Amino acid sequence: MSALATALAEYLAIRRRLGFKLHTHGQMLASFVAYMDEQSAATVTTELASAWARQPSGAHPSRWAERLSVVRVFARYLQTVYPATEVPPTDIFPARRQRATPYLYSQSDIDALMAVAGRLSSEHRAATMTTLIGLLAVTGMRIGEVIRLDLDDIDWSEGSLTIHKSKFGKSREVVLHLTTIEALRAYGERRQQLRPRPRTPSFLVSLTGTRLLYQNVQFTFQELVEQAGIEPRSPRCRPRPHDLRHTFAVNTLLGWYRDGVDAGNRMHLLSTYLGHLDPADTYWYLSATPELLGLAGERLERTLGELP
């Protein structure tokens, strides 16, 4: 094993202990180290890293930028061990894909989605999709977390559910409103009637009694969006299941600002509730809607005005 391969193994082990899964990034870095070995290069240079990042040659420059960014983080680690390591600058491939603009659903949008989901031809499928959409909307959970939710993860007496080892390997507890618990209980009873012997411990199950597949949920969701008449606001702002999570976070912040609550002092609560590893990910929602920016600006002006 080369020195670079050994360093990569140590780097991945450290990052994974911090909660990063690094499935795709680990594969990319293994490919990069193999490329370095083919070049008989023991030291990472900007030239070699850029040459590897340009593969395949026909890919969009944003893909090259993504590949180089993965090497850049690894190079920063290497530089602490091997000072001769070059860390590629960030402006080599400036054509990065822009982050999608969150589609913030109105309450009427959510009501329309729930209504068309309830009219799906299969009674079980209708119950499953309305429950899934409702749970996404009122909890801000990630869609993968809802799909992975098992029956035993719900504490009916405490009115909460546990999300096990989600993104970054973290687990957390989500407290539910009484009406949400009642809705989940109603689905559980209907599920028992329609699918009394499921083939999985999953709470939400498919027509065949198996755990839901993300691809199938995504496909059905887009069909429901079209039937509900929910239109994209721009090419970068299209309704997705994940945007229900954005909507939950923004509405929570809006509620705090409108009620005169110090959102800054509560931001860590929202960050923990959403399962964010870095609070900066939660602060990003402040820029998600003009109204939220305006309220934050007004709060800042009042604070500055009160200073001596």
Protein backbone atom coordinates (compact mmCIF):
# COMPACT_ATOMS: atom_id res chain seq x y z
CA MET A 1 0.00 0.00 0.00
CA SER A 2 1.37 3.41 -0.96
CA ALA A 3 1.85 6.22 1.55
CA LEU A 4 -1.05 8.10 -0.02
CA ALA A 5 -3.33 5.07 0.27
CA THR A 6 -2.38 4.70 3.94
CA ALA A 7 -3.03 8.40 4.54
CA LEU A 8 -6.41 8.11 2.80
CA ALA A 9 -7.43 5.18 5.02
CA GLU A 10 -6.53 7.22 8.12
CA TYR A 11 -8.35 10.31 6.78
CA LEU A 12 -11.55 8.39 6.02
CA ALA A 13 -11.46 6.68 9.43
CA ILE A 14 -11.18 10.03 11.20
CA ARG A 15 -13.97 11.64 9.17
CA ARG A 16 -16.28 8.67 9.66
CA ARG A 17 -15.74 8.75 13.41
CA LEU A 18 -16.97 12.35 13.23
CA GLY A 19 -20.20 11.11 11.64
CA PHE A 20 -19.53 11.53 7.91
CA LYS A 21 -20.53 8.50 5.82
CA LEU A 22 -18.41 9.43 2.78
CA HIS A 23 -19.66 6.63 0.53
CA THR A 24 -19.32 8.55 -2.72
CA HIS A 25 -16.45 10.75 -1.58
CA GLY A 26 -14.55 7.70 -0.36
CA GLN A 27 -14.86 6.12 -3.80
CA MET A 28 -13.77 9.34 -5.50
CA LEU A 29 -10.72 9.69 -3.28
CA ALA A 30 -9.78 6.03 -3.84
CA SER A 31 -9.92 6.76 -7.57
CA PHE A 32 -7.73 9.83 -7.07
CA VAL A 33 -5.13 7.91 -5.07
CA ALA A 34 -5.09 5.18 -7.75
CA TYR A 35 -4.50 7.90 -10.36
CA MET A 36 -1.63 9.31 -8.30
CA ASP A 37 -0.09 5.84 -8.02
CA GLU A 38 -0.38 5.41 -11.80
CA GLN A 39 1.52 8.67 -12.22
CA SER A 40 4.14 7.46 -9.70
CA ALA A 41 3.47 10.67 -7.77
CA ALA A 42 4.01 10.70 -4.03
CA THR A 43 2.96 14.32 -3.50
CA VAL A 44 -0.36 15.92 -4.35
CA THR A 45 0.01 18.91 -6.66
CA THR A 46 -2.57 21.28 -8.09
CA GLU A 47 -1.66 20.15 -11.60
CA LEU A 48 -2.22 16.45 -10.88
CA ALA A 49 -5.39 17.07 -8.88
CA SER A 50 -6.81 19.22 -11.69
CA ALA A 51 -5.92 16.63 -14.31
CA TRP A 52 -7.73 13.92 -12.34
CA ALA A 53 -10.73 16.19 -11.71
CA ARG A 54 -11.15 16.78 -15.48
CA GLN A 55 -12.07 13.12 -15.98
CA PRO A 56 -14.22 12.36 -17.80
CA SER A 57 -13.25 15.04 -20.30
CA GLY A 58 -16.81 15.49 -21.60
CA ALA A 59 -18.34 16.18 -18.17
CA HIS A 60 -19.75 19.57 -17.19
CA PRO A 61 -17.17 21.85 -15.50
CA SER A 62 -19.35 21.82 -12.40
CA ARG A 63 -18.66 18.10 -12.14
CA TRP A 64 -14.94 18.80 -12.35
CA ALA A 65 -15.32 21.40 -9.62
CA GLU A 66 -17.13 18.89 -7.41
CA ARG A 67 -14.40 16.29 -7.87
CA LEU A 68 -11.66 18.81 -7.15
CA SER A 69 -13.43 20.03 -4.00
CA VAL A 70 -13.30 16.49 -2.59
CA VAL A 71 -9.56 16.32 -3.23
CA ARG A 72 -9.12 19.81 -1.75
CA VAL A 73 -10.43 18.76 1.65
CA PHE A 74 -8.22 15.65 1.60
CA ALA A 75 -5.22 17.77 0.58
CA ARG A 76 -5.74 20.08 3.56
CA TYR A 77 -5.50 17.03 5.81
CA LEU A 78 -2.43 15.72 3.94
CA GLN A 79 -0.66 19.06 4.28
CA THR A 80 -0.61 18.64 8.07
CA VAL A 81 1.34 15.41 7.58
CA TYR A 82 3.21 16.17 4.36
CA PRO A 83 3.91 19.94 4.19
CA ALA A 84 4.87 19.71 0.49
CA THR A 85 1.26 18.88 -0.39
CA GLU A 86 -0.41 21.54 -2.55
CA VAL A 87 -4.02 22.46 -1.77
CA PRO A 88 -5.80 23.25 -5.07
CA PRO A 89 -7.28 26.79 -5.10
CA THR A 90 -11.03 27.23 -5.30
CA ASP A 91 -11.11 29.24 -8.55
CA ILE A 92 -9.79 26.65 -11.00
CA PHE A 93 -13.26 25.54 -12.08
CA PRO A 94 -15.56 28.47 -11.26
CA ALA A 95 -18.59 27.09 -13.10
CA ARG A 96 -20.17 25.42 -10.08
CA ARG A 97 -23.81 24.37 -10.16
CA GLN A 98 -25.89 26.68 -8.05
CA ARG A 99 -27.79 25.30 -5.11
CA ALA A 100 -31.44 24.73 -5.91
CA THR A 101 -33.76 27.44 -4.62
CA PRO A 102 -36.14 25.91 -2.06
CA TYR A 103 -39.75 25.73 -3.14
CA LEU A 104 -41.62 27.02 -0.11
CA TYR A 105 -45.05 25.43 -0.07
CA SER A 106 -48.06 27.44 1.00
CA GLN A 107 -50.64 25.81 3.23
CA SER A 108 -52.95 25.58 0.22
CA ASP A 109 -50.20 23.75 -1.70
CA ILE A 110 -49.88 21.19 1.08
CA ASP A 111 -53.65 20.82 1.36
CA ALA A 112 -53.85 20.23 -2.40
CA LEU A 113 -51.09 17.60 -2.27
CA MET A 114 -52.82 15.79 0.59
CA ALA A 115 -56.14 15.91 -1.27
CA VAL A 116 -54.84 14.38 -4.51
CA ALA A 117 -52.83 11.79 -2.55
CA GLY A 118 -56.03 10.77 -0.80
CA ARG A 119 -57.63 10.10 -4.18
CA LEU A 120 -55.06 7.55 -5.35
CA SER A 121 -56.75 4.45 -6.76
CA SER A 122 -55.43 2.10 -4.07
CA GLU A 123 -56.81 2.75 -0.58
CA HIS A 124 -53.56 1.59 1.01
CA ARG A 125 -51.39 3.66 -1.33
CA ALA A 126 -53.56 6.72 -0.69
CA ALA A 127 -53.24 6.29 3.07
CA THR A 128 -49.47 5.77 2.83
CA MET A 129 -48.79 8.83 0.65
CA THR A 130 -51.02 11.17 2.66
CA THR A 131 -49.30 10.02 5.85
CA LEU A 132 -45.84 10.44 4.31
CA ILE A 133 -46.57 13.94 2.99
CA GLY A 134 -48.21 15.00 6.23
CA LEU A 135 -45.29 13.74 8.32
CA LEU A 136 -42.77 15.54 6.11
CA ALA A 137 -44.76 18.78 6.38
CA VAL A 138 -45.27 18.87 10.15
CA THR A 139 -41.90 17.52 11.31
CA GLY A 140 -39.34 18.71 8.75
CA MET A 141 -37.91 15.19 8.59
CA ARG A 142 -35.80 14.12 5.64
CA ILE A 143 -37.66 11.84 3.25
CA GLY A 144 -35.12 9.07 3.85
CA GLU A 145 -35.80 9.31 7.59
CA VAL A 146 -39.53 8.85 7.04
CA ILE A 147 -38.96 5.87 4.74
CA ARG A 148 -36.61 4.23 7.28
CA LEU A 149 -39.01 4.80 10.19
CA ASP A 150 -39.93 1.49 11.87
CA LEU A 151 -43.04 0.77 13.88
CA ASP A 152 -40.97 0.38 17.05
CA ASP A 153 -39.46 3.85 16.56
CA ILE A 154 -42.76 5.49 17.54
CA ASP A 155 -43.42 6.02 21.26
CA TRP A 156 -47.20 6.31 21.38
CA SER A 157 -47.37 7.12 25.09
CA GLU A 158 -44.76 9.89 24.94
CA GLY A 159 -45.93 11.23 21.57
CA SER A 160 -42.53 11.10 19.93
CA LEU A 161 -40.47 9.13 17.45
CA THR A 162 -36.79 8.27 17.26
CA ILE A 163 -34.72 8.72 14.11
CA HIS A 164 -31.83 6.28 14.18
CA LYS A 165 -28.45 7.01 12.58
CA SER A 166 -29.62 9.42 9.95
CA LYS A 167 -27.35 11.78 8.03
CA PHE A 168 -23.87 11.95 9.61
CA GLY A 169 -24.73 8.85 11.66
CA LYS A 170 -26.65 10.84 14.28
CA SER A 171 -29.83 9.75 16.08
CA ARG A 172 -32.39 12.13 17.53
CA GLU A 173 -35.85 12.25 19.06
CA VAL A 174 -38.69 14.19 17.43
CA VAL A 175 -41.60 15.29 19.61
CA LEU A 176 -44.95 15.20 17.81
CA HIS A 177 -48.14 17.19 18.16
CA LEU A 178 -51.13 15.25 19.46
CA THR A 179 -52.89 15.55 16.10
CA THR A 180 -49.84 14.04 14.36
CA ILE A 181 -49.83 11.09 16.76
CA GLU A 182 -53.53 10.57 16.09
CA ALA A 183 -52.93 10.63 12.32
CA LEU A 184 -50.08 8.10 12.63
CA ARG A 185 -52.23 5.89 14.85
CA ALA A 186 -55.04 5.99 12.28
CA TYR A 187 -52.62 4.96 9.52
CA GLY A 188 -51.24 2.18 11.71
CA GLU A 189 -54.73 0.78 12.26
CA ARG A 190 -55.56 0.96 8.54
CA ARG A 191 -52.19 -0.58 7.69
CA GLN A 192 -52.98 -3.48 10.02
CA GLN A 193 -56.31 -4.01 8.26
CA LEU A 194 -55.01 -3.75 4.70
CA ARG A 195 -51.54 -5.29 5.17
CA PRO A 196 -51.80 -7.42 8.34
CA ARG A 197 -48.60 -9.37 7.61
CA PRO A 198 -46.01 -6.91 6.24
CA ARG A 199 -42.61 -8.23 5.19
CA THR A 200 -40.75 -5.43 6.95
CA PRO A 201 -40.72 -3.67 10.34
CA SER A 202 -41.18 -0.39 8.44
CA PHE A 203 -44.05 1.83 9.58
CA LEU A 204 -44.90 2.94 6.05
CA VAL A 205 -45.21 -0.02 3.70
CA SER A 206 -45.79 -0.52 -0.01
CA LEU A 207 -48.62 -2.40 -1.69
CA THR A 208 -46.57 -5.59 -1.40
CA GLY A 209 -45.85 -5.06 2.30
CA THR A 210 -42.23 -4.00 1.81
CA ARG A 211 -40.40 -0.83 2.80
CA LEU A 212 -40.97 2.08 0.44
CA LEU A 213 -38.35 2.81 -2.22
CA TYR A 214 -37.18 6.40 -2.58
CA GLN A 215 -37.38 6.28 -6.39
CA ASN A 216 -41.01 5.16 -6.29
CA VAL A 217 -41.94 7.78 -3.69
CA GLN A 218 -40.22 10.48 -5.74
CA PHE A 219 -42.06 9.42 -8.91
CA THR A 220 -45.44 9.35 -7.17
CA PHE A 221 -44.79 12.69 -5.48
CA GLN A 222 -44.07 14.39 -8.82
CA GLU A 223 -47.30 12.94 -10.22
CA LEU A 224 -49.20 14.37 -7.26
CA VAL A 225 -47.52 17.77 -7.72
CA GLU A 226 -48.76 17.89 -11.33
CA GLN A 227 -52.27 16.78 -10.37
CA ALA A 228 -52.38 19.42 -7.61
CA GLY A 229 -51.47 22.11 -10.14
CA ILE A 230 -48.32 23.19 -8.29
CA GLU A 231 -46.05 24.90 -10.81
CA PRO A 232 -42.28 25.52 -10.63
CA ARG A 233 -41.40 29.13 -9.87
CA SER A 234 -38.23 28.98 -11.96
CA PRO A 235 -35.91 26.32 -13.47
CA ARG A 236 -34.02 26.29 -10.13
CA CYS A 237 -37.12 26.44 -7.92
CA ARG A 238 -39.14 23.30 -8.50
CA PRO A 239 -41.35 21.52 -5.93
CA ARG A 240 -39.54 18.54 -4.41
CA PRO A 241 -40.30 16.35 -1.39
CA HIS A 242 -37.25 17.79 0.40
CA ASP A 243 -38.72 21.28 0.10
CA LEU A 244 -41.32 20.33 2.70
CA ARG A 245 -38.38 20.27 5.13
CA HIS A 246 -37.29 23.73 3.96
CA THR A 247 -40.86 24.96 4.38
CA PHE A 248 -41.05 23.62 7.94
CA ALA A 249 -37.79 25.32 8.93
CA VAL A 250 -38.71 28.67 7.35
CA ASN A 251 -42.20 28.66 8.89
CA THR A 252 -40.71 27.92 12.31
CA LEU A 253 -38.33 30.88 12.01
CA LEU A 254 -41.08 33.14 10.68
CA GLY A 255 -43.26 32.21 13.64
CA TRP A 256 -40.51 33.13 16.09
CA TYR A 257 -39.84 36.50 14.45
CA ARG A 258 -43.55 37.36 14.23
CA ASP A 259 -44.00 36.47 17.91
CA GLY A 260 -41.06 38.68 18.89
CA VAL A 261 -38.98 35.73 20.04
CA ASP A 262 -35.18 35.97 19.84
CA ALA A 263 -34.65 33.49 16.99
CA GLY A 264 -30.88 33.60 17.48
CA ASN A 265 -31.18 32.17 20.98
CA ARG A 266 -33.46 29.41 19.72
CA MET A 267 -31.58 28.53 16.55
CA HIS A 268 -29.70 25.71 18.27
CA LEU A 269 -33.05 24.11 19.16
CA LEU A 270 -34.16 24.09 15.53
CA SER A 271 -30.73 22.85 14.45
CA THR A 272 -30.96 19.92 16.88
CA TYR A 273 -34.55 19.17 15.92
CA LEU A 274 -33.69 19.06 12.21
CA GLY A 275 -30.60 16.94 12.82
CA HIS A 276 -28.10 19.47 11.45
CA LEU A 277 -24.48 18.71 12.31
CA ASP A 278 -23.44 22.32 11.71
CA PRO A 279 -25.65 25.20 12.94
CA ALA A 280 -24.57 27.11 9.82
CA ASP A 281 -26.84 24.77 7.85
CA THR A 282 -29.77 26.07 9.88
CA TYR A 283 -28.77 29.72 9.54
CA TRP A 284 -28.86 29.20 5.76
CA TYR A 285 -32.66 29.28 5.98
CA LEU A 286 -32.48 32.99 6.87
CA SER A 287 -31.72 33.67 3.20
CA ALA A 288 -34.41 31.33 1.89
CA THR A 289 -37.23 33.88 1.74
CA PRO A 290 -37.36 37.70 1.45
CA GLU A 291 -39.83 37.94 4.33
CA LEU A 292 -37.45 36.13 6.65
CA LEU A 293 -34.55 38.36 5.58
CA GLY A 294 -36.71 41.43 6.16
CA LEU A 295 -37.73 40.35 9.66
CA ALA A 296 -34.13 39.50 10.54
CA GLY A 297 -33.04 42.92 9.26
CA GLU A 298 -35.69 44.70 11.31
CA ARG A 299 -34.61 42.82 14.42
CA LEU A 300 -30.98 43.79 13.80
CA GLU A 301 -31.89 47.47 13.32
CA ARG A 302 -33.84 47.51 16.57
CA THR A 303 -30.93 45.87 18.38
CA LEU A 304 -28.44 48.36 16.98
CA GLY A 305 -30.76 51.22 17.88
CA GLU A 306 -30.84 50.10 21.50
CA LEU A 307 -27.05 50.12 21.81
CA PRO A 308 -25.50 53.08 23.64
